[in-house]
């Protein structure tokens, strides 16, 4: 019986030890260069899955009509990779996405590109007794745009949904406390996002509204 118990535990513990860790970054956006209707990004979080190298997000936006702060999940979804420079063998972390602002509820086609880069430096305690070599700070840019659209309902009322275009300097800063909290609880990326939504709710940020007026980067006007 003791031998059987040992074999059973040995089969369980490697699975637990192999669980991928998540890394949480705090996002900030600063508009740069010319832009149109583009001042709606207020911050948020990136969550990196160290096993699958996938990245998801929780982005805070401002409704341009009501000035309401709301959060949207999955706005920036992409990949994480590590690169080594040819000359110095310095290691870099790169997070990129070929799509963005998927939380835009206007239905307009959105073109976006997102990338941040940072140097990795040493191993950091990420919780659950584990450590990872990560970048403490990544910096880069987001470029995004969506076309204006015009629609007319059955009452011949025309609604204009304004498009937007612009670019932001982006910083992603490692959040050690939130990372340890997530890994100590053995949360995956999805459940880490759920944990972060509670953090934002405690700050007074609400889920993306679905009722009119629509919460999106593009305000509407009814002539």
Protein backbone atom coordinates (compact mmCIF):
# COMPACT_ATOMS: atom_id res chain seq x y z
CA UNK A 1 0.00 0.00 0.00
CA UNK A 2 2.80 2.45 0.83
CA UNK A 3 4.48 1.71 -2.49
CA UNK A 4 1.24 2.29 -4.36
CA UNK A 5 0.68 5.59 -2.52
CA UNK A 6 4.20 6.73 -3.41
CA UNK A 7 3.68 5.93 -7.07
CA UNK A 8 0.35 7.79 -7.08
CA UNK A 9 1.85 10.91 -5.53
CA UNK A 10 4.82 10.75 -7.89
CA UNK A 11 2.41 10.78 -10.81
CA UNK A 12 0.62 13.88 -9.46
CA UNK A 13 3.45 16.15 -8.34
CA UNK A 14 5.27 16.39 -11.71
CA UNK A 15 2.03 17.69 -13.24
CA UNK A 16 1.78 20.40 -10.60
CA UNK A 17 5.43 21.34 -10.95
CA UNK A 18 5.08 21.61 -14.71
CA UNK A 19 2.20 24.09 -14.53
CA UNK A 20 3.06 27.14 -16.62
CA UNK A 21 3.54 30.39 -14.73
CA UNK A 22 1.81 33.63 -15.67
CA UNK A 23 3.46 37.05 -15.67
CA UNK A 24 1.43 40.24 -15.22
CA UNK A 25 2.42 43.60 -16.72
CA UNK A 26 0.79 46.98 -16.09
CA UNK A 27 0.04 48.90 -19.32
CA UNK A 28 0.24 52.62 -19.98
CA UNK A 29 -0.49 54.49 -23.24
CA UNK A 30 0.68 57.94 -24.29
CA UNK A 31 -0.62 59.34 -27.57
CA UNK A 32 2.16 60.44 -29.90
CA UNK A 33 2.09 62.12 -33.29
CA UNK A 34 -1.03 63.19 -35.21
CA UNK A 35 -4.30 61.52 -34.26
CA UNK A 36 -8.06 61.73 -34.79
CA UNK A 37 -10.61 60.66 -32.13
CA UNK A 38 -7.86 58.63 -30.48
CA UNK A 39 -7.67 59.68 -26.79
CA UNK A 40 -9.58 56.70 -25.37
CA UNK A 41 -6.86 54.30 -24.10
CA UNK A 42 -6.28 54.67 -20.35
CA UNK A 43 -4.13 51.67 -19.35
CA UNK A 44 -4.69 48.06 -18.36
CA UNK A 45 -2.80 44.78 -18.00
CA UNK A 46 -0.98 42.22 -20.14
CA UNK A 47 -0.89 38.58 -19.01
CA UNK A 48 1.84 36.33 -20.40
CA UNK A 49 1.57 32.53 -20.21
CA UNK A 50 5.15 31.29 -19.85
CA UNK A 51 4.25 27.85 -21.21
CA UNK A 52 2.31 28.62 -24.37
CA UNK A 53 4.00 32.04 -24.88
CA UNK A 54 0.55 33.49 -25.49
CA UNK A 55 -0.47 36.97 -24.37
CA UNK A 56 -3.89 38.34 -23.49
CA UNK A 57 -5.02 41.65 -22.10
CA UNK A 58 -7.40 43.73 -20.06
CA UNK A 59 -7.52 47.28 -21.41
CA UNK A 60 -9.14 50.33 -19.81
CA UNK A 61 -10.88 52.72 -22.22
CA UNK A 62 -12.90 55.92 -21.94
CA UNK A 63 -16.28 56.23 -23.60
CA UNK A 64 -16.02 59.45 -25.63
CA UNK A 65 -19.69 60.30 -25.11
CA UNK A 66 -20.11 59.64 -21.38
CA UNK A 67 -16.44 59.77 -20.20
CA UNK A 68 -17.14 56.47 -18.45
CA UNK A 69 -14.10 54.31 -17.68
CA UNK A 70 -14.64 50.70 -18.69
CA UNK A 71 -12.50 47.60 -19.25
CA UNK A 72 -12.45 45.22 -22.19
CA UNK A 73 -10.81 41.79 -22.28
CA UNK A 74 -8.82 40.45 -25.22
CA UNK A 75 -8.25 43.84 -26.85
CA UNK A 76 -4.56 43.05 -27.39
CA UNK A 77 -3.95 39.35 -27.98
CA UNK A 78 -0.56 38.21 -29.23
CA UNK A 79 2.60 36.25 -28.58
CA UNK A 80 5.64 36.40 -26.32
CA UNK A 81 9.14 35.51 -27.51
CA UNK A 82 12.73 35.78 -26.32
CA UNK A 83 15.55 36.92 -28.60
CA UNK A 84 19.32 37.19 -28.21
CA UNK A 85 21.23 40.08 -29.75
CA UNK A 86 23.91 39.01 -32.20
CA UNK A 87 26.69 41.20 -30.82
CA UNK A 88 26.37 41.07 -27.03
CA UNK A 89 24.25 37.99 -26.36
CA UNK A 90 21.92 40.23 -24.37
CA UNK A 91 18.51 38.60 -24.11
CA UNK A 92 15.34 40.51 -24.94
CA UNK A 93 11.66 39.84 -24.41
CA UNK A 94 9.23 40.81 -27.17
CA UNK A 95 5.44 40.98 -27.00
CA UNK A 96 3.62 41.63 -30.25
CA UNK A 97 0.17 41.52 -31.77
CA UNK A 98 -0.99 41.89 -35.36
CA UNK A 99 -4.49 42.72 -34.21
CA UNK A 100 -5.76 45.11 -31.61
CA UNK A 101 -8.70 47.05 -30.26
CA UNK A 102 -10.98 44.06 -30.77
CA UNK A 103 -13.11 45.46 -27.98
CA UNK A 104 -14.30 48.22 -30.34
CA UNK A 105 -18.07 47.73 -30.37
CA UNK A 106 -18.85 49.89 -33.39
CA UNK A 107 -18.44 47.03 -35.81
CA UNK A 108 -15.94 49.04 -37.85
CA UNK A 109 -13.00 47.13 -39.27
CA UNK A 110 -9.96 48.00 -37.14
CA UNK A 111 -6.38 47.96 -38.34
CA UNK A 112 -3.83 47.77 -35.53
CA UNK A 113 -0.28 46.71 -34.73
CA UNK A 114 1.27 46.44 -31.26
CA UNK A 115 4.82 45.66 -30.11
CA UNK A 116 6.87 46.19 -26.95
CA UNK A 117 10.49 45.14 -26.29
CA UNK A 118 12.59 44.95 -23.12
CA UNK A 119 15.85 43.51 -21.79
CA UNK A 120 15.61 40.46 -19.54
CA UNK A 121 17.66 40.59 -16.36
CA UNK A 122 18.01 37.77 -13.85
CA UNK A 123 15.40 35.54 -12.30
CA UNK A 124 12.50 36.93 -10.31
CA UNK A 125 10.25 35.22 -7.82
CA UNK A 126 6.90 34.77 -9.58
CA UNK A 127 5.15 32.88 -6.77
CA UNK A 128 4.39 29.24 -6.00
CA UNK A 129 8.10 28.71 -5.25
CA UNK A 130 9.16 29.39 -8.83
CA UNK A 131 11.30 32.01 -10.57
CA UNK A 132 11.54 33.18 -14.17
CA UNK A 133 13.95 35.32 -16.16
CA UNK A 134 11.78 38.19 -17.36
CA UNK A 135 11.96 41.79 -18.53
CA UNK A 136 11.01 44.28 -15.83
CA UNK A 137 9.97 46.88 -18.40
CA UNK A 138 9.02 46.66 -22.06
CA UNK A 139 8.44 49.66 -24.32
CA UNK A 140 7.08 50.12 -27.82
CA UNK A 141 4.17 51.37 -29.86
CA UNK A 142 0.54 50.79 -30.77
CA UNK A 143 -0.83 52.02 -34.12
CA UNK A 144 -4.53 51.72 -34.79
CA UNK A 145 -7.31 53.05 -37.00
CA UNK A 146 -10.92 52.37 -37.95
CA UNK A 147 -12.99 53.88 -40.74
CA UNK A 148 -16.01 56.12 -40.26
CA UNK A 149 -19.36 54.55 -41.06
CA UNK A 150 -22.84 55.86 -41.85
CA UNK A 151 -26.08 53.95 -41.38
CA UNK A 152 -29.76 54.80 -41.85
CA UNK A 153 -32.54 53.03 -39.94
CA UNK A 154 -36.11 52.33 -41.02
CA UNK A 155 -37.19 55.78 -39.78
CA UNK A 156 -34.67 57.43 -42.13
CA UNK A 157 -32.55 58.57 -39.18
CA UNK A 158 -28.91 58.64 -40.16
CA UNK A 159 -26.25 57.77 -37.60
CA UNK A 160 -22.61 58.60 -38.16
CA UNK A 161 -20.07 56.50 -36.29
CA UNK A 162 -16.81 58.39 -36.28
CA UNK A 163 -13.63 56.50 -37.06
CA UNK A 164 -10.30 56.99 -35.34
CA UNK A 165 -6.60 56.90 -36.14
CA UNK A 166 -3.48 57.40 -34.07
CA UNK A 167 -0.47 55.93 -32.34
CA UNK A 168 0.68 55.53 -28.76
CA UNK A 169 3.93 55.02 -26.95
CA UNK A 170 3.36 51.99 -24.75
CA UNK A 171 5.05 50.88 -21.53
CA UNK A 172 4.51 47.48 -19.89
CA UNK A 173 5.87 47.29 -16.33
CA UNK A 174 6.24 44.04 -14.40
CA UNK A 175 3.75 43.73 -11.53
CA UNK A 176 5.43 41.47 -8.99
CA UNK A 177 2.60 41.40 -6.43
CA UNK A 178 -0.14 40.56 -8.91
CA UNK A 179 2.09 37.96 -10.59
CA UNK A 180 2.79 36.22 -7.27
CA UNK A 181 -0.89 36.36 -6.29
CA UNK A 182 -1.89 34.66 -9.56
CA UNK A 183 0.75 31.94 -9.37
CA UNK A 184 0.29 31.27 -5.65
CA UNK A 185 -3.34 30.56 -6.51
CA UNK A 186 -2.22 28.47 -9.51
CA UNK A 187 -4.33 30.54 -11.90
CA UNK A 188 -4.12 30.17 -15.66
CA UNK A 189 -4.27 33.17 -17.99
CA UNK A 190 -8.05 33.21 -18.16
CA UNK A 191 -8.49 33.11 -14.40
CA UNK A 192 -5.74 35.70 -13.96
CA UNK A 193 -7.76 38.04 -16.19
CA UNK A 194 -10.75 37.36 -13.93
CA UNK A 195 -8.64 38.27 -10.91
CA UNK A 196 -7.55 41.50 -12.57
CA UNK A 197 -11.13 42.48 -13.41
CA UNK A 198 -11.85 42.39 -9.67
CA UNK A 199 -8.85 44.68 -9.11
CA UNK A 200 -10.29 47.15 -11.62
CA UNK A 201 -13.81 46.91 -10.19
CA UNK A 202 -12.38 47.89 -6.81
CA UNK A 203 -10.97 50.98 -8.52
CA UNK A 204 -14.39 51.89 -9.91
CA UNK A 205 -13.75 50.69 -13.48
CA UNK A 206 -16.82 48.94 -14.91
CA UNK A 207 -17.28 46.22 -17.54
CA UNK A 208 -17.79 47.38 -21.11
CA UNK A 209 -21.40 48.65 -21.29
CA UNK A 210 -23.72 47.11 -23.85
CA UNK A 211 -26.58 49.58 -23.57
CA UNK A 212 -26.83 52.78 -25.58
CA UNK A 213 -24.77 54.91 -25.84
CA UNK A 214 -22.34 52.27 -27.02
CA UNK A 215 -18.99 52.27 -25.26
CA UNK A 216 -16.41 52.38 -27.97
CA UNK A 217 -13.52 54.51 -29.17
CA UNK A 218 -15.81 56.00 -31.84
CA UNK A 219 -18.55 58.41 -30.71
CA UNK A 220 -21.83 58.52 -32.60
CA UNK A 221 -23.78 61.49 -33.90
CA UNK A 222 -27.36 61.59 -35.13
CA UNK A 223 -27.95 64.62 -37.40
